[in-house]
Structures are given as structure tokens and as C-alpha cells.
Amino acid sequence: MVKTNESIIAAVSQWLDRVVIGLGLCPFAHAPREQGRVRIVVSEAQDEMRLLVELHAELARLEETERHLLETTLLVVPGIFPQFGAFNQFLDLVDRLLAEYDWEGVFQVASFHPDYQFAGTQPKDPSNLTNQSPYPILHLIRETSIDEALAQFPDVEQIPQRNIQRMRDLTPEQRKLLFPWR
């Protein structure tokens, strides 16, 4: 079955609402989502250079748009990176792009992938679910938003451990429902 941009956005939206917000993995995501300030855009890229061009355009859009209109962007990349290793290596180019355009300290790019795997874990380790998504995704985040959220959230350093435990506590049926692409 051919995936349309609409079906890709629907799958990412469902993941965002059910997993990221629904399970409370990111305590800062609910308000921007509720207020319509989360942009989900599907990349047309079929190679890394084209993706870098699209990433630059989305970062520039974010920079030029007031926060009350656009808080964050999810750049969904369905056309390349079926393997997590190649996607993970691409993040080095993302870091170089941020440095080249003086966006270090302005933006942060978080990554999600259907086969995301933290170093030192086995592929099926439930902790990996915290960063697994239906498609490869580059999450473009404003550093000021992170700073403000961290200042308001108690025990922010406990978020990763709490999220890992939440994934481990899911039953096999819940995992199958929340992560149908696995």
C-alpha cells in the first residue's frame, strides 16, 4: 500500500497523542499540541542532501515564526533511513548544519525512529520504545522552550528513568497497540 502524506501525518499524530502525550513521555508537549502550535511536515527527500535543504527550511521557518504561532516542528522522513544506523549517522550532519548557521543554543534536534536503539541495549529492550516512532522523525525544538519547561518541571532529571519504567510496565498487548509498526 502506498503511503500518502495524509496517512503518514495521521500515523505520526496518533503516535504523538497516544504515546508521547498519552503516556506522559514529554510533559511539555500537551499544551503546544492542544494549542495547534506543533507542525508536522512530511519530507519529500530521497537523499541526505535534499533532507538537509528541507531541514534548513524548517529551521528557518521556526526561527521566523513567533512561538505563540509555532512552538515546534516534527519533520517526518519516510523516504530514506530504513535502518537506524544510517539515520543515527545523519545526525552528525544535522549538528554541522546547526553550527554552520549559528543555531547551536537556539535549536535542538531530537531524533525518533521505528528501530531506535540506545547504545548498550538489545533491540527489543523496552527502554528503546521511548524514542521509537512510526517513521524516522527529526524534532526541531527551540532551546528557549526547553529552558522554560525545565525551570517549571520538578525533578526533570528523572524524566528518562520514569519513561523507561513506563515502557517496561506496558503489557505486550499495550505495546502492540501503541507500537503497531514493530
C-alpha atoms as a PDB file:
ATOM      1  CA  MET A   1       0.000   0.000   0.000  1.00  0.00           C
ATOM      2  CA  VAL A   2       1.319   3.426  -0.971  1.00  0.00           C
ATOM      3  CA  LYS A   3       1.543   5.821   1.929  1.00  0.00           C
ATOM      4  CA  THR A   4       0.190   9.310   1.353  1.00  0.00           C
ATOM      5  CA  ASN A   5       1.366  12.369   3.247  1.00  0.00           C
ATOM      6  CA  GLU A   6      -2.040  12.436   4.930  1.00  0.00           C
ATOM      7  CA  SER A   7      -1.726   8.839   6.167  1.00  0.00           C
ATOM      8  CA  ILE A   8       1.839   9.482   7.357  1.00  0.00           C
ATOM      9  CA  ILE A   9       0.753  12.600   9.252  1.00  0.00           C
ATOM     10  CA  ALA A  10      -2.183  10.658  10.734  1.00  0.00           C
ATOM     11  CA  ALA A  11       0.150   7.908  11.980  1.00  0.00           C
ATOM     12  CA  VAL A  12       2.573  10.436  13.495  1.00  0.00           C
ATOM     13  CA  SER A  13      -0.299  12.376  15.072  1.00  0.00           C
ATOM     14  CA  GLN A  14      -1.673   9.197  16.605  1.00  0.00           C
ATOM     15  CA  TRP A  15       1.790   8.321  17.990  1.00  0.00           C
ATOM     16  CA  LEU A  16       2.205  11.850  19.350  1.00  0.00           C
ATOM     17  CA  ASP A  17      -1.209  11.821  21.027  1.00  0.00           C
ATOM     18  CA  ARG A  18      -1.224   8.228  22.324  1.00  0.00           C
ATOM     19  CA  VAL A  19       2.429   7.644  23.165  1.00  0.00           C
ATOM     20  CA  VAL A  20       4.290  10.920  23.676  1.00  0.00           C
ATOM     21  CA  ILE A  21       1.421  12.838  25.283  1.00  0.00           C
ATOM     22  CA  GLY A  22      -0.842   9.953  26.303  1.00  0.00           C
ATOM     23  CA  LEU A  23       1.865   8.188  28.283  1.00  0.00           C
ATOM     24  CA  GLY A  24       3.313  11.477  29.532  1.00  0.00           C
ATOM     25  CA  LEU A  25       6.738  10.827  27.984  1.00  0.00           C
ATOM     26  CA  CYS A  26       7.170  14.540  27.326  1.00  0.00           C
ATOM     27  CA  PRO A  27       5.412  16.605  29.983  1.00  0.00           C
ATOM     28  CA  PHE A  28       5.929  19.719  27.841  1.00  0.00           C
ATOM     29  CA  ALA A  29       4.148  18.504  24.681  1.00  0.00           C
ATOM     30  CA  HIS A  30       0.493  18.684  25.724  1.00  0.00           C
ATOM     31  CA  ALA A  31      -0.011  22.459  25.700  1.00  0.00           C
ATOM     32  CA  PRO A  32       1.588  23.200  22.304  1.00  0.00           C
ATOM     33  CA  ARG A  33      -0.289  20.277  20.746  1.00  0.00           C
ATOM     34  CA  GLU A  34      -3.591  21.385  22.262  1.00  0.00           C
ATOM     35  CA  GLN A  35      -2.981  24.942  21.035  1.00  0.00           C
ATOM     36  CA  GLY A  36      -2.137  23.872  17.476  1.00  0.00           C
ATOM     37  CA  ARG A  37       1.488  25.021  17.689  1.00  0.00           C
ATOM     38  CA  VAL A  38       3.048  21.709  16.608  1.00  0.00           C
ATOM     39  CA  ARG A  39       3.829  21.500  12.894  1.00  0.00           C
ATOM     40  CA  ILE A  40       4.033  18.029  11.367  1.00  0.00           C
ATOM     41  CA  VAL A  41       5.545  18.058   7.896  1.00  0.00           C
ATOM     42  CA  VAL A  42       6.457  15.127   5.657  1.00  0.00           C
ATOM     43  CA  SER A  43       9.827  15.331   3.946  1.00  0.00           C
ATOM     44  CA  GLU A  44       9.934  14.570   0.247  1.00  0.00           C
ATOM     45  CA  ALA A  45      13.677  13.840   0.482  1.00  0.00           C
ATOM     46  CA  GLN A  46      15.080  10.723  -1.133  1.00  0.00           C
ATOM     47  CA  ASP A  47      18.678  11.524  -0.171  1.00  0.00           C
ATOM     48  CA  GLU A  48      20.583  13.213   2.634  1.00  0.00           C
ATOM     49  CA  MET A  49      21.410  16.423   0.761  1.00  0.00           C
ATOM     50  CA  ARG A  50      17.763  17.089  -0.055  1.00  0.00           C
ATOM     51  CA  LEU A  51      16.851  16.362   3.559  1.00  0.00           C
ATOM     52  CA  LEU A  52      19.423  18.897   4.754  1.00  0.00           C
ATOM     53  CA  VAL A  53      17.834  21.509   2.463  1.00  0.00           C
ATOM     54  CA  GLU A  54      14.376  20.713   3.869  1.00  0.00           C
ATOM     55  CA  LEU A  55      15.705  20.711   7.437  1.00  0.00           C
ATOM     56  CA  HIS A  56      17.278  24.123   6.890  1.00  0.00           C
ATOM     57  CA  ALA A  57      13.988  25.463   5.514  1.00  0.00           C
ATOM     58  CA  GLU A  58      12.049  24.149   8.526  1.00  0.00           C
ATOM     59  CA  LEU A  59      14.560  25.600  10.995  1.00  0.00           C
ATOM     60  CA  ALA A  60      14.376  28.961   9.187  1.00  0.00           C
ATOM     61  CA  ARG A  61      10.553  28.819   9.329  1.00  0.00           C
ATOM     62  CA  LEU A  62      10.722  28.116  13.051  1.00  0.00           C
ATOM     63  CA  GLU A  63      13.177  30.979  13.548  1.00  0.00           C
ATOM     64  CA  GLU A  64      10.968  33.405  11.612  1.00  0.00           C
ATOM     65  CA  THR A  65       7.705  32.408  13.302  1.00  0.00           C
ATOM     66  CA  GLU A  66       6.628  33.653  16.715  1.00  0.00           C
ATOM     67  CA  ARG A  67       6.351  30.980  19.411  1.00  0.00           C
ATOM     68  CA  HIS A  68       2.698  31.742  20.066  1.00  0.00           C
ATOM     69  CA  LEU A  69       2.044  30.631  16.480  1.00  0.00           C
ATOM     70  CA  LEU A  70       4.538  27.771  16.120  1.00  0.00           C
ATOM     71  CA  GLU A  71       6.304  26.097  19.011  1.00  0.00           C
ATOM     72  CA  THR A  72       7.952  23.086  17.413  1.00  0.00           C
ATOM     73  CA  THR A  73       8.195  21.036  14.224  1.00  0.00           C
ATOM     74  CA  LEU A  74       8.230  17.319  13.564  1.00  0.00           C
ATOM     75  CA  LEU A  75       9.971  16.691  10.238  1.00  0.00           C
ATOM     76  CA  VAL A  76       8.909  13.177   9.223  1.00  0.00           C
ATOM     77  CA  VAL A  77      11.321  11.356   6.903  1.00  0.00           C
ATOM     78  CA  PRO A  78       9.597   8.343   5.290  1.00  0.00           C
ATOM     79  CA  GLY A  79      11.706   8.180   2.115  1.00  0.00           C
ATOM     80  CA  ILE A  80      15.147   7.360   3.493  1.00  0.00           C
ATOM     81  CA  PHE A  81      16.800   5.762   6.526  1.00  0.00           C
ATOM     82  CA  PRO A  82      15.042   2.414   6.819  1.00  0.00           C
ATOM     83  CA  GLN A  83      17.978   1.381   9.039  1.00  0.00           C
ATOM     84  CA  PHE A  84      18.517   3.168  12.323  1.00  0.00           C
ATOM     85  CA  GLY A  85      22.323   3.187  11.983  1.00  0.00           C
ATOM     86  CA  ALA A  86      22.275   5.376   8.864  1.00  0.00           C
ATOM     87  CA  PHE A  87      19.732   7.710  10.461  1.00  0.00           C
ATOM     88  CA  ASN A  88      21.857   7.974  13.583  1.00  0.00           C
ATOM     89  CA  GLN A  89      24.932   8.834  11.498  1.00  0.00           C
ATOM     90  CA  PHE A  90      22.963  11.518   9.652  1.00  0.00           C
ATOM     91  CA  LEU A  91      22.583  13.340  12.968  1.00  0.00           C
ATOM     92  CA  ASP A  92      26.259  14.362  12.671  1.00  0.00           C
ATOM     93  CA  LEU A  93      25.293  16.354   9.556  1.00  0.00           C
ATOM     94  CA  VAL A  94      22.390  17.870  11.489  1.00  0.00           C
ATOM     95  CA  ASP A  95      24.820  19.052  14.159  1.00  0.00           C
ATOM     96  CA  ARG A  96      27.060  20.582  11.477  1.00  0.00           C
ATOM     97  CA  LEU A  97      24.083  22.379   9.944  1.00  0.00           C
ATOM     98  CA  LEU A  98      23.163  23.869  13.322  1.00  0.00           C
ATOM     99  CA  ALA A  99      26.757  25.042  13.805  1.00  0.00           C
ATOM    100  CA  GLU A 100      27.091  26.438  10.281  1.00  0.00           C
ATOM    101  CA  TYR A 101      24.004  28.637  10.646  1.00  0.00           C
ATOM    102  CA  ASP A 102      24.711  29.697  14.245  1.00  0.00           C
ATOM    103  CA  TRP A 103      21.705  27.762  15.510  1.00  0.00           C
ATOM    104  CA  GLU A 104      23.578  25.994  18.305  1.00  0.00           C
ATOM    105  CA  GLY A 105      21.936  27.138  21.523  1.00  0.00           C
ATOM    106  CA  VAL A 106      18.924  28.317  19.508  1.00  0.00           C
ATOM    107  CA  PHE A 107      17.551  24.982  18.343  1.00  0.00           C
ATOM    108  CA  GLN A 108      17.953  21.382  19.360  1.00  0.00           C
ATOM    109  CA  VAL A 109      17.068  18.426  17.138  1.00  0.00           C
ATOM    110  CA  ALA A 110      15.780  15.285  18.826  1.00  0.00           C
ATOM    111  CA  SER A 111      15.509  12.052  16.880  1.00  0.00           C
ATOM    112  CA  PHE A 112      12.974   9.231  16.691  1.00  0.00           C
ATOM    113  CA  HIS A 113      12.979   6.114  14.508  1.00  0.00           C
ATOM    114  CA  PRO A 114      10.940   2.898  14.258  1.00  0.00           C
ATOM    115  CA  ASP A 115      14.055   0.907  15.218  1.00  0.00           C
ATOM    116  CA  TYR A 116      15.616   3.402  17.632  1.00  0.00           C
ATOM    117  CA  GLN A 117      18.136   1.706  19.878  1.00  0.00           C
ATOM    118  CA  PHE A 118      20.102   3.244  22.712  1.00  0.00           C
ATOM    119  CA  ALA A 119      23.768   2.306  22.989  1.00  0.00           C
ATOM    120  CA  GLY A 120      24.276  -0.698  25.239  1.00  0.00           C
ATOM    121  CA  THR A 121      20.733  -2.048  24.826  1.00  0.00           C
ATOM    122  CA  GLN A 122      19.334  -5.011  22.926  1.00  0.00           C
ATOM    123  CA  PRO A 123      16.943  -4.247  20.020  1.00  0.00           C
ATOM    124  CA  LYS A 124      13.843  -5.448  21.919  1.00  0.00           C
ATOM    125  CA  ASP A 125      14.726  -3.665  25.193  1.00  0.00           C
ATOM    126  CA  PRO A 126      11.599  -1.731  26.257  1.00  0.00           C
ATOM    127  CA  SER A 127      13.724   1.353  27.013  1.00  0.00           C
ATOM    128  CA  ASN A 128      14.150   1.862  23.257  1.00  0.00           C
ATOM    129  CA  LEU A 129      10.394   2.419  22.924  1.00  0.00           C
ATOM    130  CA  THR A 130      10.795   5.911  24.407  1.00  0.00           C
ATOM    131  CA  ASN A 131      12.325   7.041  21.091  1.00  0.00           C
ATOM    132  CA  GLN A 132      10.559   4.737  18.645  1.00  0.00           C
ATOM    133  CA  SER A 133       8.098   6.274  16.210  1.00  0.00           C
ATOM    134  CA  PRO A 134       6.201   5.081  13.127  1.00  0.00           C
ATOM    135  CA  TYR A 135       8.696   6.838  10.792  1.00  0.00           C
ATOM    136  CA  PRO A 136      12.097   8.490  11.205  1.00  0.00           C
ATOM    137  CA  ILE A 137      11.446  11.934  12.702  1.00  0.00           C
ATOM    138  CA  LEU A 138      13.596  14.974  13.351  1.00  0.00           C
ATOM    139  CA  HIS A 139      12.008  17.002  16.154  1.00  0.00           C
ATOM    140  CA  LEU A 140      13.022  20.658  15.909  1.00  0.00           C
ATOM    141  CA  ILE A 141      12.890  22.279  19.331  1.00  0.00           C
ATOM    142  CA  ARG A 142      13.503  25.841  20.465  1.00  0.00           C
ATOM    143  CA  GLU A 143      16.159  25.970  23.216  1.00  0.00           C
ATOM    144  CA  THR A 144      14.204  28.737  24.986  1.00  0.00           C
ATOM    145  CA  SER A 145      11.209  26.418  25.190  1.00  0.00           C
ATOM    146  CA  ILE A 146      13.352  23.717  26.750  1.00  0.00           C
ATOM    147  CA  ASP A 147      14.835  26.149  29.266  1.00  0.00           C
ATOM    148  CA  GLU A 148      11.408  27.451  30.303  1.00  0.00           C
ATOM    149  CA  ALA A 149       9.927  23.978  30.587  1.00  0.00           C
ATOM    150  CA  LEU A 150      12.838  22.690  32.641  1.00  0.00           C
ATOM    151  CA  ALA A 151      12.563  25.615  35.037  1.00  0.00           C
ATOM    152  CA  GLN A 152       8.906  24.743  35.714  1.00  0.00           C
ATOM    153  CA  PHE A 153       9.195  20.973  35.955  1.00  0.00           C
ATOM    154  CA  PRO A 154      10.333  19.405  39.215  1.00  0.00           C
ATOM    155  CA  ASP A 155      12.831  16.555  39.051  1.00  0.00           C
ATOM    156  CA  VAL A 156      13.439  16.944  35.323  1.00  0.00           C
ATOM    157  CA  GLU A 157      16.451  14.640  35.553  1.00  0.00           C
ATOM    158  CA  GLN A 158      14.055  11.816  36.474  1.00  0.00           C
ATOM    159  CA  ILE A 159      12.119  12.024  33.177  1.00  0.00           C
ATOM    160  CA  PRO A 160      14.256   9.486  31.225  1.00  0.00           C
ATOM    161  CA  GLN A 161      14.190   6.895  34.012  1.00  0.00           C
ATOM    162  CA  ARG A 162      10.471   7.404  34.575  1.00  0.00           C
ATOM    163  CA  ASN A 163       9.826   6.965  30.838  1.00  0.00           C
ATOM    164  CA  ILE A 164      11.903   3.786  30.671  1.00  0.00           C
ATOM    165  CA  GLN A 165       9.976   2.351  33.602  1.00  0.00           C
ATOM    166  CA  ARG A 166       6.692   3.330  31.951  1.00  0.00           C
ATOM    167  CA  MET A 167       7.717   1.379  28.824  1.00  0.00           C
ATOM    168  CA  ARG A 168       8.755  -1.638  30.887  1.00  0.00           C
ATOM    169  CA  ASP A 169       5.411  -1.581  32.701  1.00  0.00           C
ATOM    170  CA  LEU A 170       3.410  -1.858  29.468  1.00  0.00           C
ATOM    171  CA  THR A 171       1.879  -5.244  28.806  1.00  0.00           C
ATOM    172  CA  PRO A 172       2.648  -6.984  25.493  1.00  0.00           C
ATOM    173  CA  GLU A 173      -0.884  -6.105  24.355  1.00  0.00           C
ATOM    174  CA  GLN A 174      -0.386  -2.432  25.185  1.00  0.00           C
ATOM    175  CA  ARG A 175       2.931  -2.396  23.319  1.00  0.00           C
ATOM    176  CA  LYS A 176       1.304  -3.966  20.276  1.00  0.00           C
ATOM    177  CA  LEU A 177      -1.493  -1.368  20.347  1.00  0.00           C
ATOM    178  CA  LEU A 178       0.809   1.645  20.857  1.00  0.00           C
ATOM    179  CA  PHE A 179       3.616   0.497  18.539  1.00  0.00           C
ATOM    180  CA  PRO A 180       1.854  -1.348  15.684  1.00  0.00           C
ATOM    181  CA  TRP A 181       4.807  -0.940  13.282  1.00  0.00           C
ATOM    182  CA  ARG A 182       7.094  -3.092  15.472  1.00  0.00           C
END
